[in-house]
């Protein structure tokens, strides 16, 4: 990858990160509900996640997934299992039970 291509990629990712979307919505919601300190932590987590994806992409993970159908399927299954685990963990947490009690459910 040439340096010009890398900077073009970096600019595209920066535009995606800075444009309104799920990441920005999460940071704004956190700021409104929990204050600026937790919003900064949320923004830092979002930026580090994007940097992690950029690093994996630069190391060739995207090319591997594009070339190998098995690797792509394994990545999808692992991602789906992780999302299911997060959902179950959220429903079992005390915070979800307390929010149901506050609404009168």
PDB file of N, CA and C in Angstrom:
ATOM      1  N   UNK A   1       0.853  -1.176   0.000  1.00  0.00           N
ATOM      2  CA  UNK A   1       0.000   0.000   0.000  1.00  0.00           C
ATOM      3  C   UNK A   1       0.893   1.231   0.000  1.00  0.00           C
ATOM      4  N   UNK A   2       0.621   2.133  -0.908  1.00  0.00           N
ATOM      5  CA  UNK A   2       1.400   3.368  -0.968  1.00  0.00           C
ATOM      6  C   UNK A   2       0.938   4.322   0.122  1.00  0.00           C
ATOM      7  N   UNK A   3       1.765   5.284   0.423  1.00  0.00           N
ATOM      8  CA  UNK A   3       1.434   6.259   1.467  1.00  0.00           C
ATOM      9  C   UNK A   3       0.218   7.096   1.070  1.00  0.00           C
ATOM     10  N   UNK A   4       0.062   7.361  -0.224  1.00  0.00           N
ATOM     11  CA  UNK A   4      -1.099   8.119  -0.699  1.00  0.00           C
ATOM     12  C   UNK A   4      -2.386   7.335  -0.462  1.00  0.00           C
ATOM     13  N   UNK A   5      -2.347   6.053  -0.761  1.00  0.00           N
ATOM     14  CA  UNK A   5      -3.527   5.206  -0.529  1.00  0.00           C
ATOM     15  C   UNK A   5      -3.844   5.126   0.956  1.00  0.00           C
ATOM     16  N   UNK A   6      -2.805   5.016   1.778  1.00  0.00           N
ATOM     17  CA  UNK A   6      -3.012   4.954   3.223  1.00  0.00           C
ATOM     18  C   UNK A   6      -3.667   6.228   3.741  1.00  0.00           C
ATOM     19  N   UNK A   7      -3.194   7.383   3.303  1.00  0.00           N
ATOM     20  CA  UNK A   7      -3.785   8.641   3.768  1.00  0.00           C
ATOM     21  C   UNK A   7      -5.217   8.809   3.257  1.00  0.00           C
ATOM     22  N   UNK A   8      -5.496   8.336   2.060  1.00  0.00           N
ATOM     23  CA  UNK A   8      -6.863   8.368   1.552  1.00  0.00           C
ATOM     24  C   UNK A   8      -7.779   7.483   2.404  1.00  0.00           C
ATOM     25  N   UNK A   9      -7.285   6.306   2.737  1.00  0.00           N
ATOM     26  CA  UNK A   9      -8.032   5.398   3.612  1.00  0.00           C
ATOM     27  C   UNK A   9      -8.252   6.032   4.983  1.00  0.00           C
ATOM     28  N   UNK A  10      -7.221   6.635   5.535  1.00  0.00           N
ATOM     29  CA  UNK A  10      -7.302   7.291   6.834  1.00  0.00           C
ATOM     30  C   UNK A  10      -8.330   8.422   6.812  1.00  0.00           C
ATOM     31  N   UNK A  11      -8.357   9.205   5.729  1.00  0.00           N
ATOM     32  CA  UNK A  11      -9.326  10.295   5.606  1.00  0.00           C
ATOM     33  C   UNK A  11     -10.753   9.743   5.522  1.00  0.00           C
ATOM     34  N   UNK A  12     -10.947   8.654   4.791  1.00  0.00           N
ATOM     35  CA  UNK A  12     -12.285   8.061   4.679  1.00  0.00           C
ATOM     36  C   UNK A  12     -12.763   7.546   6.025  1.00  0.00           C
ATOM     37  N   UNK A  13     -11.888   6.896   6.775  1.00  0.00           N
ATOM     38  CA  UNK A  13     -12.265   6.389   8.099  1.00  0.00           C
ATOM     39  C   UNK A  13     -12.555   7.547   9.045  1.00  0.00           C
ATOM     40  N   UNK A  14     -11.750   8.594   8.993  1.00  0.00           N
ATOM     41  CA  UNK A  14     -11.986   9.760   9.850  1.00  0.00           C
ATOM     42  C   UNK A  14     -13.336  10.390   9.534  1.00  0.00           C
ATOM     43  N   UNK A  15     -13.692  10.464   8.270  1.00  0.00           N
ATOM     44  CA  UNK A  15     -14.988  11.008   7.880  1.00  0.00           C
ATOM     45  C   UNK A  15     -16.125  10.143   8.421  1.00  0.00           C
ATOM     46  N   UNK A  16     -15.964   8.832   8.350  1.00  0.00           N
ATOM     47  CA  UNK A  16     -16.992   7.939   8.879  1.00  0.00           C
ATOM     48  C   UNK A  16     -17.130   8.056  10.392  1.00  0.00           C
ATOM     49  N   UNK A  17     -16.013   8.217  11.068  1.00  0.00           N
ATOM     50  CA  UNK A  17     -16.044   8.330  12.527  1.00  0.00           C
ATOM     51  C   UNK A  17     -16.679   9.653  12.952  1.00  0.00           C
ATOM     52  N   UNK A  18     -16.372  10.721  12.243  1.00  0.00           N
ATOM     53  CA  UNK A  18     -16.855  12.041  12.642  1.00  0.00           C
ATOM     54  C   UNK A  18     -18.282  12.337  12.187  1.00  0.00           C
ATOM     55  N   UNK A  19     -18.778  11.587  11.223  1.00  0.00           N
ATOM     56  CA  UNK A  19     -20.139  11.829  10.753  1.00  0.00           C
ATOM     57  C   UNK A  19     -21.139  11.240  11.744  1.00  0.00           C
ATOM     58  N   UNK A  20     -22.310  11.842  11.825  1.00  0.00           N
ATOM     59  CA  UNK A  20     -23.312  11.315  12.754  1.00  0.00           C
ATOM     60  C   UNK A  20     -23.701   9.886  12.382  1.00  0.00           C
ATOM     61  N   UNK A  21     -23.801   9.081  13.377  1.00  0.00           N
ATOM     62  CA  UNK A  21     -24.160   7.682  13.185  1.00  0.00           C
ATOM     63  C   UNK A  21     -24.288   7.023  14.548  1.00  0.00           C
ATOM     64  N   UNK A  22     -24.237   5.715  14.599  1.00  0.00           N
ATOM     65  CA  UNK A  22     -24.409   5.012  15.873  1.00  0.00           C
ATOM     66  C   UNK A  22     -23.352   5.385  16.913  1.00  0.00           C
ATOM     67  N   UNK A  23     -22.117   5.584  16.481  1.00  0.00           N
ATOM     68  CA  UNK A  23     -21.064   5.940  17.428  1.00  0.00           C
ATOM     69  C   UNK A  23     -21.312   7.311  18.032  1.00  0.00           C
ATOM     70  N   UNK A  24     -21.667   8.261  17.191  1.00  0.00           N
ATOM     71  CA  UNK A  24     -21.947   9.611  17.671  1.00  0.00           C
ATOM     72  C   UNK A  24     -23.182   9.620  18.572  1.00  0.00           C
ATOM     73  N   UNK A  25     -24.198   8.860  18.204  1.00  0.00           N
ATOM     74  CA  UNK A  25     -25.418   8.771  19.013  1.00  0.00           C
ATOM     75  C   UNK A  25     -25.113   8.194  20.393  1.00  0.00           C
ATOM     76  N   UNK A  26     -24.256   7.175  20.436  1.00  0.00           N
ATOM     77  CA  UNK A  26     -23.874   6.592  21.720  1.00  0.00           C
ATOM     78  C   UNK A  26     -23.156   7.612  22.587  1.00  0.00           C
ATOM     79  N   UNK A  27     -22.242   8.353  22.016  1.00  0.00           N
ATOM     80  CA  UNK A  27     -21.496   9.359  22.778  1.00  0.00           C
ATOM     81  C   UNK A  27     -22.413  10.478  23.281  1.00  0.00           C
ATOM     82  N   UNK A  28     -23.333  10.930  22.428  1.00  0.00           N
ATOM     83  CA  UNK A  28     -24.262  11.998  22.851  1.00  0.00           C
ATOM     84  C   UNK A  28     -25.208  11.503  23.930  1.00  0.00           C
ATOM     85  N   UNK A  29     -25.717  10.283  23.786  1.00  0.00           N
ATOM     86  CA  UNK A  29     -26.619   9.725  24.796  1.00  0.00           C
ATOM     87  C   UNK A  29     -25.900   9.567  26.125  1.00  0.00           C
ATOM     88  N   UNK A  30     -24.665   9.108  26.075  1.00  0.00           N
ATOM     89  CA  UNK A  30     -23.878   8.958  27.298  1.00  0.00           C
ATOM     90  C   UNK A  30     -23.631  10.315  27.947  1.00  0.00           C
ATOM     91  N   UNK A  31     -23.358  11.331  27.142  1.00  0.00           N
ATOM     92  CA  UNK A  31     -23.123  12.673  27.686  1.00  0.00           C
ATOM     93  C   UNK A  31     -24.363  13.214  28.378  1.00  0.00           C
ATOM     94  N   UNK A  32     -25.520  13.024  27.761  1.00  0.00           N
ATOM     95  CA  UNK A  32     -26.763  13.543  28.334  1.00  0.00           C
ATOM     96  C   UNK A  32     -27.132  12.791  29.613  1.00  0.00           C
ATOM     97  N   UNK A  33     -26.972  11.477  29.595  1.00  0.00           N
ATOM     98  CA  UNK A  33     -27.404  10.672  30.735  1.00  0.00           C
ATOM     99  C   UNK A  33     -26.396  10.591  31.870  1.00  0.00           C
ATOM    100  N   UNK A  34     -25.089  10.672  31.552  1.00  0.00           N
ATOM    101  CA  UNK A  34     -24.080  10.401  32.576  1.00  0.00           C
ATOM    102  C   UNK A  34     -23.021  11.480  32.727  1.00  0.00           C
ATOM    103  N   UNK A  35     -23.042  12.502  31.904  1.00  0.00           N
ATOM    104  CA  UNK A  35     -22.098  13.595  32.057  1.00  0.00           C
ATOM    105  C   UNK A  35     -20.889  13.486  31.147  1.00  0.00           C
ATOM    106  N   UNK A  36     -20.083  14.546  31.149  1.00  0.00           N
ATOM    107  CA  UNK A  36     -18.967  14.627  30.205  1.00  0.00           C
ATOM    108  C   UNK A  36     -17.844  13.618  30.459  1.00  0.00           C
ATOM    109  N   UNK A  37     -17.605  13.255  31.694  1.00  0.00           N
ATOM    110  CA  UNK A  37     -16.512  12.318  31.984  1.00  0.00           C
ATOM    111  C   UNK A  37     -16.786  10.953  31.359  1.00  0.00           C
ATOM    112  N   UNK A  38     -17.998  10.440  31.517  1.00  0.00           N
ATOM    113  CA  UNK A  38     -18.346   9.145  30.921  1.00  0.00           C
ATOM    114  C   UNK A  38     -18.475   9.264  29.404  1.00  0.00           C
ATOM    115  N   UNK A  39     -18.887  10.430  28.921  1.00  0.00           N
ATOM    116  CA  UNK A  39     -18.956  10.639  27.467  1.00  0.00           C
ATOM    117  C   UNK A  39     -17.566  10.585  26.855  1.00  0.00           C
ATOM    118  N   UNK A  40     -16.579  11.133  27.544  1.00  0.00           N
ATOM    119  CA  UNK A  40     -15.207  11.071  27.060  1.00  0.00           C
ATOM    120  C   UNK A  40     -14.708   9.623  27.025  1.00  0.00           C
ATOM    121  N   UNK A  41     -15.081   8.848  28.034  1.00  0.00           N
ATOM    122  CA  UNK A  41     -14.709   7.427  28.037  1.00  0.00           C
ATOM    123  C   UNK A  41     -15.393   6.696  26.882  1.00  0.00           C
ATOM    124  N   UNK A  42     -16.638   7.037  26.619  1.00  0.00           N
ATOM    125  CA  UNK A  42     -17.374   6.428  25.507  1.00  0.00           C
ATOM    126  C   UNK A  42     -16.734   6.786  24.167  1.00  0.00           C
ATOM    127  N   UNK A  43     -16.368   8.038  24.011  1.00  0.00           N
ATOM    128  CA  UNK A  43     -15.720   8.485  22.771  1.00  0.00           C
ATOM    129  C   UNK A  43     -14.353   7.817  22.609  1.00  0.00           C
ATOM    130  N   UNK A  44     -13.621   7.684  23.699  1.00  0.00           N
ATOM    131  CA  UNK A  44     -12.316   7.018  23.640  1.00  0.00           C
ATOM    132  C   UNK A  44     -12.466   5.559  23.232  1.00  0.00           C
ATOM    133  N   UNK A  45     -13.485   4.893  23.746  1.00  0.00           N
ATOM    134  CA  UNK A  45     -13.742   3.514  23.355  1.00  0.00           C
ATOM    135  C   UNK A  45     -14.104   3.398  21.885  1.00  0.00           C
ATOM    136  N   UNK A  46     -14.903   4.328  21.400  1.00  0.00           N
ATOM    137  CA  UNK A  46     -15.292   4.311  19.989  1.00  0.00           C
ATOM    138  C   UNK A  46     -14.093   4.528  19.078  1.00  0.00           C
ATOM    139  N   UNK A  47     -13.255   5.485  19.435  1.00  0.00           N
ATOM    140  CA  UNK A  47     -12.074   5.776  18.622  1.00  0.00           C
ATOM    141  C   UNK A  47     -11.095   4.605  18.658  1.00  0.00           C
ATOM    142  N   UNK A  48     -10.910   3.994  19.822  1.00  0.00           N
ATOM    143  CA  UNK A  48      -9.984   2.854  19.893  1.00  0.00           C
ATOM    144  C   UNK A  48     -10.524   1.659  19.110  1.00  0.00           C
ATOM    145  N   UNK A  49     -11.841   1.483  19.073  1.00  0.00           N
ATOM    146  CA  UNK A  49     -12.422   0.406  18.268  1.00  0.00           C
ATOM    147  C   UNK A  49     -12.156   0.634  16.779  1.00  0.00           C
ATOM    148  N   UNK A  50     -12.325   1.870  16.334  1.00  0.00           N
ATOM    149  CA  UNK A  50     -12.061   2.184  14.924  1.00  0.00           C
ATOM    150  C   UNK A  50     -10.579   1.994  14.609  1.00  0.00           C
ATOM    151  N   UNK A  51      -9.705   2.412  15.510  1.00  0.00           N
ATOM    152  CA  UNK A  51      -8.279   2.213  15.287  1.00  0.00           C
ATOM    153  C   UNK A  51      -7.925   0.730  15.235  1.00  0.00           C
ATOM    154  N   UNK A  52      -8.596  -0.076  16.063  1.00  0.00           N
ATOM    155  CA  UNK A  52      -8.376  -1.517  16.021  1.00  0.00           C
ATOM    156  C   UNK A  52      -8.790  -2.124  14.695  1.00  0.00           C
ATOM    157  N   UNK A  53      -9.932  -1.694  14.183  1.00  0.00           N
ATOM    158  CA  UNK A  53     -10.394  -2.183  12.881  1.00  0.00           C
ATOM    159  C   UNK A  53      -9.438  -1.736  11.778  1.00  0.00           C
ATOM    160  N   UNK A  54      -8.963  -0.501  11.856  1.00  0.00           N
ATOM    161  CA  UNK A  54      -7.988  -0.018  10.871  1.00  0.00           C
ATOM    162  C   UNK A  54      -6.708  -0.843  10.919  1.00  0.00           C
ATOM    163  N   UNK A  55      -6.250  -1.169  12.117  1.00  0.00           N
ATOM    164  CA  UNK A  55      -5.029  -1.952  12.264  1.00  0.00           C
ATOM    165  C   UNK A  55      -5.210  -3.350  11.672  1.00  0.00           C
ATOM    166  N   UNK A  56      -6.334  -3.987  11.989  1.00  0.00           N
ATOM    167  CA  UNK A  56      -6.592  -5.319  11.430  1.00  0.00           C
ATOM    168  C   UNK A  56      -6.689  -5.276   9.911  1.00  0.00           C
ATOM    169  N   UNK A  57      -7.310  -4.233   9.401  1.00  0.00           N
ATOM    170  CA  UNK A  57      -7.423  -4.091   7.959  1.00  0.00           C
ATOM    171  C   UNK A  57      -6.048  -3.870   7.322  1.00  0.00           C
ATOM    172  N   UNK A  58      -5.241  -3.041   7.952  1.00  0.00           N
ATOM    173  CA  UNK A  58      -3.901  -2.780   7.426  1.00  0.00           C
ATOM    174  C   UNK A  58      -3.022  -4.029   7.484  1.00  0.00           C
ATOM    175  N   UNK A  59      -3.264  -4.887   8.461  1.00  0.00           N
ATOM    176  CA  UNK A  59      -2.487  -6.122   8.573  1.00  0.00           C
ATOM    177  C   UNK A  59      -2.952  -7.201   7.598  1.00  0.00           C
ATOM    178  N   UNK A  60      -4.039  -6.943   6.877  1.00  0.00           N
ATOM    179  CA  UNK A  60      -4.461  -7.868   5.837  1.00  0.00           C
ATOM    180  C   UNK A  60      -5.646  -8.746   6.187  1.00  0.00           C
ATOM    181  N   UNK A  61      -6.323  -8.492   7.290  1.00  0.00           N
ATOM    182  CA  UNK A  61      -7.471  -9.324   7.650  1.00  0.00           C
ATOM    183  C   UNK A  61      -8.586  -9.202   6.617  1.00  0.00           C
ATOM    184  N   UNK A  62      -8.788  -7.998   6.082  1.00  0.00           N
ATOM    185  CA  UNK A  62      -9.819  -7.806   5.059  1.00  0.00           C
ATOM    186  C   UNK A  62      -9.536  -8.624   3.814  1.00  0.00           C
ATOM    187  N   UNK A  63      -8.274  -8.672   3.399  1.00  0.00           N
ATOM    188  CA  UNK A  63      -7.904  -9.467   2.223  1.00  0.00           C
ATOM    189  C   UNK A  63      -8.090 -10.958   2.494  1.00  0.00           C
ATOM    190  N   UNK A  64      -7.758 -11.387   3.700  1.00  0.00           N
ATOM    191  CA  UNK A  64      -7.944 -12.795   4.060  1.00  0.00           C
ATOM    192  C   UNK A  64      -9.418 -13.170   4.031  1.00  0.00           C
ATOM    193  N   UNK A  65     -10.261 -12.317   4.605  1.00  0.00           N
ATOM    194  CA  UNK A  65     -11.698 -12.605   4.628  1.00  0.00           C
ATOM    195  C   UNK A  65     -12.298 -12.574   3.228  1.00  0.00           C
ATOM    196  N   UNK A  66     -11.777 -11.711   2.361  1.00  0.00           N
ATOM    197  CA  UNK A  66     -12.267 -11.650   0.990  1.00  0.00           C
ATOM    198  C   UNK A  66     -11.832 -12.868   0.186  1.00  0.00           C
ATOM    199  N   UNK A  67     -10.670 -13.401   0.510  1.00  0.00           N
ATOM    200  CA  UNK A  67     -10.137 -14.531  -0.252  1.00  0.00           C
ATOM    201  C   UNK A  67     -10.647 -15.879   0.239  1.00  0.00           C
ATOM    202  N   UNK A  68     -10.986 -15.978   1.511  1.00  0.00           N
ATOM    203  CA  UNK A  68     -11.365 -17.265   2.079  1.00  0.00           C
ATOM    204  C   UNK A  68     -12.797 -17.230   2.587  1.00  0.00           C
ATOM    205  N   UNK A  69     -13.643 -18.033   1.962  1.00  0.00           N
ATOM    206  CA  UNK A  69     -15.040 -18.106   2.397  1.00  0.00           C
ATOM    207  C   UNK A  69     -15.160 -18.738   3.781  1.00  0.00           C
ATOM    208  N   UNK A  70     -14.300 -19.682   4.084  1.00  0.00           N
ATOM    209  CA  UNK A  70     -14.325 -20.342   5.393  1.00  0.00           C
ATOM    210  C   UNK A  70     -13.958 -19.345   6.496  1.00  0.00           C
ATOM    211  N   UNK A  71     -12.909 -18.551   6.270  1.00  0.00           N
ATOM    212  CA  UNK A  71     -12.506 -17.559   7.270  1.00  0.00           C
ATOM    213  C   UNK A  71     -13.608 -16.528   7.479  1.00  0.00           C
ATOM    214  N   UNK A  72     -14.274 -16.124   6.400  1.00  0.00           N
ATOM    215  CA  UNK A  72     -15.365 -15.157   6.517  1.00  0.00           C
ATOM    216  C   UNK A  72     -16.536 -15.747   7.306  1.00  0.00           C
ATOM    217  N   UNK A  73     -16.865 -17.002   7.043  1.00  0.00           N
ATOM    218  CA  UNK A  73     -17.959 -17.660   7.769  1.00  0.00           C
ATOM    219  C   UNK A  73     -17.616 -17.804   9.248  1.00  0.00           C
ATOM    220  N   UNK A  74     -16.369 -18.171   9.547  1.00  0.00           N
ATOM    221  CA  UNK A  74     -15.941 -18.292  10.944  1.00  0.00           C
ATOM    222  C   UNK A  74     -16.046 -16.940  11.646  1.00  0.00           C
ATOM    223  N   UNK A  75     -15.619 -15.868  10.985  1.00  0.00           N
ATOM    224  CA  UNK A  75     -15.695 -14.527  11.582  1.00  0.00           C
ATOM    225  C   UNK A  75     -17.147 -14.126  11.836  1.00  0.00           C
ATOM    226  N   UNK A  76     -18.044 -14.454  10.898  1.00  0.00           N
ATOM    227  CA  UNK A  76     -19.463 -14.129  11.083  1.00  0.00           C
ATOM    228  C   UNK A  76     -20.056 -14.898  12.257  1.00  0.00           C
ATOM    229  N   UNK A  77     -19.744 -16.177  12.371  1.00  0.00           N
ATOM    230  CA  UNK A  77     -20.287 -16.996  13.456  1.00  0.00           C
ATOM    231  C   UNK A  77     -19.768 -16.515  14.811  1.00  0.00           C
ATOM    232  N   UNK A  78     -18.478 -16.196  14.877  1.00  0.00           N
ATOM    233  CA  UNK A  78     -17.914 -15.683  16.130  1.00  0.00           C
ATOM    234  C   UNK A  78     -18.562 -14.345  16.493  1.00  0.00           C
ATOM    235  N   UNK A  79     -18.755 -13.469  15.513  1.00  0.00           N
ATOM    236  CA  UNK A  79     -19.403 -12.180  15.773  1.00  0.00           C
ATOM    237  C   UNK A  79     -20.838 -12.340  16.233  1.00  0.00           C
ATOM    238  N   UNK A  80     -21.568 -13.242  15.603  1.00  0.00           N
ATOM    239  CA  UNK A  80     -22.962 -13.479  16.002  1.00  0.00           C
ATOM    240  C   UNK A  80     -23.031 -14.055  17.410  1.00  0.00           C
ATOM    241  N   UNK A  81     -22.147 -14.991  17.728  1.00  0.00           N
ATOM    242  CA  UNK A  81     -22.128 -15.573  19.070  1.00  0.00           C
ATOM    243  C   UNK A  81     -21.808 -14.514  20.116  1.00  0.00           C
ATOM    244  N   UNK A  82     -20.894 -13.613  19.792  1.00  0.00           N
ATOM    245  CA  UNK A  82     -20.548 -12.535  20.722  1.00  0.00           C
ATOM    246  C   UNK A  82     -21.740 -11.603  20.958  1.00  0.00           C
ATOM    247  N   UNK A  83     -22.457 -11.253  19.891  1.00  0.00           N
ATOM    248  CA  UNK A  83     -23.626 -10.382  20.045  1.00  0.00           C
ATOM    249  C   UNK A  83     -24.725 -11.062  20.851  1.00  0.00           C
ATOM    250  N   UNK A  84     -24.922 -12.349  20.638  1.00  0.00           N
ATOM    251  CA  UNK A  84     -25.914 -13.087  21.428  1.00  0.00           C
ATOM    252  C   UNK A  84     -25.505 -13.105  22.892  1.00  0.00           C
ATOM    253  N   UNK A  85     -24.230 -13.350  23.160  1.00  0.00           N
ATOM    254  CA  UNK A  85     -23.734 -13.353  24.535  1.00  0.00           C
ATOM    255  C   UNK A  85     -23.942 -11.992  25.201  1.00  0.00           C
ATOM    256  N   UNK A  86     -23.656 -10.896  24.459  1.00  0.00           N
ATOM    257  CA  UNK A  86     -23.883  -9.557  25.012  1.00  0.00           C
ATOM    258  C   UNK A  86     -25.351  -9.314  25.319  1.00  0.00           C
ATOM    259  N   UNK A  87     -26.242  -9.769  24.436  1.00  0.00           N
ATOM    260  CA  UNK A  87     -27.678  -9.611  24.668  1.00  0.00           C
ATOM    261  C   UNK A  87     -28.144 -10.359  25.899  1.00  0.00           C
ATOM    262  N   UNK A  88     -27.707 -11.590  26.050  1.00  0.00           N
ATOM    263  CA  UNK A  88     -28.087 -12.377  27.232  1.00  0.00           C
ATOM    264  C   UNK A  88     -27.542 -11.733  28.494  1.00  0.00           C
ATOM    265  N   UNK A  89     -26.302 -11.281  28.444  1.00  0.00           N
ATOM    266  CA  UNK A  89     -25.689 -10.614  29.597  1.00  0.00           C
ATOM    267  C   UNK A  89     -26.463  -9.347  29.974  1.00  0.00           C
ATOM    268  N   UNK A  90     -26.907  -8.594  28.973  1.00  0.00           N
ATOM    269  CA  UNK A  90     -27.662  -7.366  29.238  1.00  0.00           C
ATOM    270  C   UNK A  90     -29.009  -7.669  29.874  1.00  0.00           C
ATOM    271  N   UNK A  91     -29.715  -8.661  29.351  1.00  0.00           N
ATOM    272  CA  UNK A  91     -31.022  -9.002  29.914  1.00  0.00           C
ATOM    273  C   UNK A  91     -30.920  -9.553  31.324  1.00  0.00           C
ATOM    274  N   UNK A  92     -29.815 -10.198  31.661  1.00  0.00           N
ATOM    275  CA  UNK A  92     -29.639 -10.760  33.000  1.00  0.00           C
ATOM    276  C   UNK A  92     -29.084  -9.761  33.997  1.00  0.00           C
ATOM    277  N   UNK A  93     -28.672  -8.575  33.552  1.00  0.00           N
ATOM    278  CA  UNK A  93     -28.040  -7.611  34.448  1.00  0.00           C
ATOM    279  C   UNK A  93     -29.063  -6.965  35.373  1.00  0.00           C
ATOM    280  N   UNK A  94     -28.568  -6.443  36.459  1.00  0.00           N
ATOM    281  CA  UNK A  94     -29.431  -5.760  37.425  1.00  0.00           C
ATOM    282  C   UNK A  94     -30.004  -4.474  36.854  1.00  0.00           C
ATOM    283  N   UNK A  95     -29.266  -3.804  35.992  1.00  0.00           N
ATOM    284  CA  UNK A  95     -29.723  -2.536  35.422  1.00  0.00           C
ATOM    285  C   UNK A  95     -30.995  -2.751  34.596  1.00  0.00           C
ATOM    286  N   UNK A  96     -31.061  -3.824  33.821  1.00  0.00           N
ATOM    287  CA  UNK A  96     -32.258  -4.091  33.022  1.00  0.00           C
ATOM    288  C   UNK A  96     -33.452  -4.376  33.917  1.00  0.00           C
ATOM    289  N   UNK A  97     -33.231  -5.085  35.015  1.00  0.00           N
ATOM    290  CA  UNK A  97     -34.326  -5.382  35.940  1.00  0.00           C
ATOM    291  C   UNK A  97     -34.784  -4.123  36.659  1.00  0.00           C
ATOM    292  N   UNK A  98     -33.842  -3.252  37.019  1.00  0.00           N
ATOM    293  CA  UNK A  98     -34.220  -2.010  37.705  1.00  0.00           C
ATOM    294  C   UNK A  98     -34.977  -1.067  36.805  1.00  0.00           C
ATOM    295  N   UNK A  99     -34.618  -0.985  35.511  1.00  0.00           N
ATOM    296  CA  UNK A  99     -35.340  -0.108  34.597  1.00  0.00           C
ATOM    297  C   UNK A  99     -36.779  -0.582  34.403  1.00  0.00           C
ATOM    298  N   UNK A 100     -36.992  -1.873  34.411  1.00  0.00           N
ATOM    299  CA  UNK A 100     -38.355  -2.412  34.303  1.00  0.00           C
ATOM    300  C   UNK A 100     -39.182  -2.045  35.516  1.00  0.00           C
ATOM    301  N   UNK A 101     -38.577  -2.017  36.698  1.00  0.00           N
ATOM    302  CA  UNK A 101     -39.302  -1.653  37.916  1.00  0.00           C
ATOM    303  C   UNK A 101     -39.635  -0.170  37.937  1.00  0.00           C
ATOM    304  N   UNK A 102     -38.752   0.683  37.411  1.00  0.00           N
ATOM    305  CA  UNK A 102     -38.991   2.119  37.423  1.00  0.00           C
ATOM    306  C   UNK A 102     -40.157   2.519  36.529  1.00  0.00           C
ATOM    307  N   UNK A 103     -40.338   1.814  35.433  1.00  0.00           N
ATOM    308  CA  UNK A 103     -41.409   2.141  34.504  1.00  0.00           C
ATOM    309  C   UNK A 103     -42.754   1.602  34.978  1.00  0.00           C
ATOM    310  N   UNK A 104     -42.720   0.753  35.977  1.00  0.00           N
ATOM    311  CA  UNK A 104     -43.967   0.194  36.461  1.00  0.00           C
ATOM    312  C   UNK A 104     -44.359  -1.076  35.736  1.00  0.00           C
ATOM    313  N   UNK A 105     -43.416  -1.695  35.006  1.00  0.00           N
ATOM    314  CA  UNK A 105     -43.722  -2.934  34.272  1.00  0.00           C
ATOM    315  C   UNK A 105     -43.783  -4.126  35.199  1.00  0.00           C
TER     316      UNK A 105
END
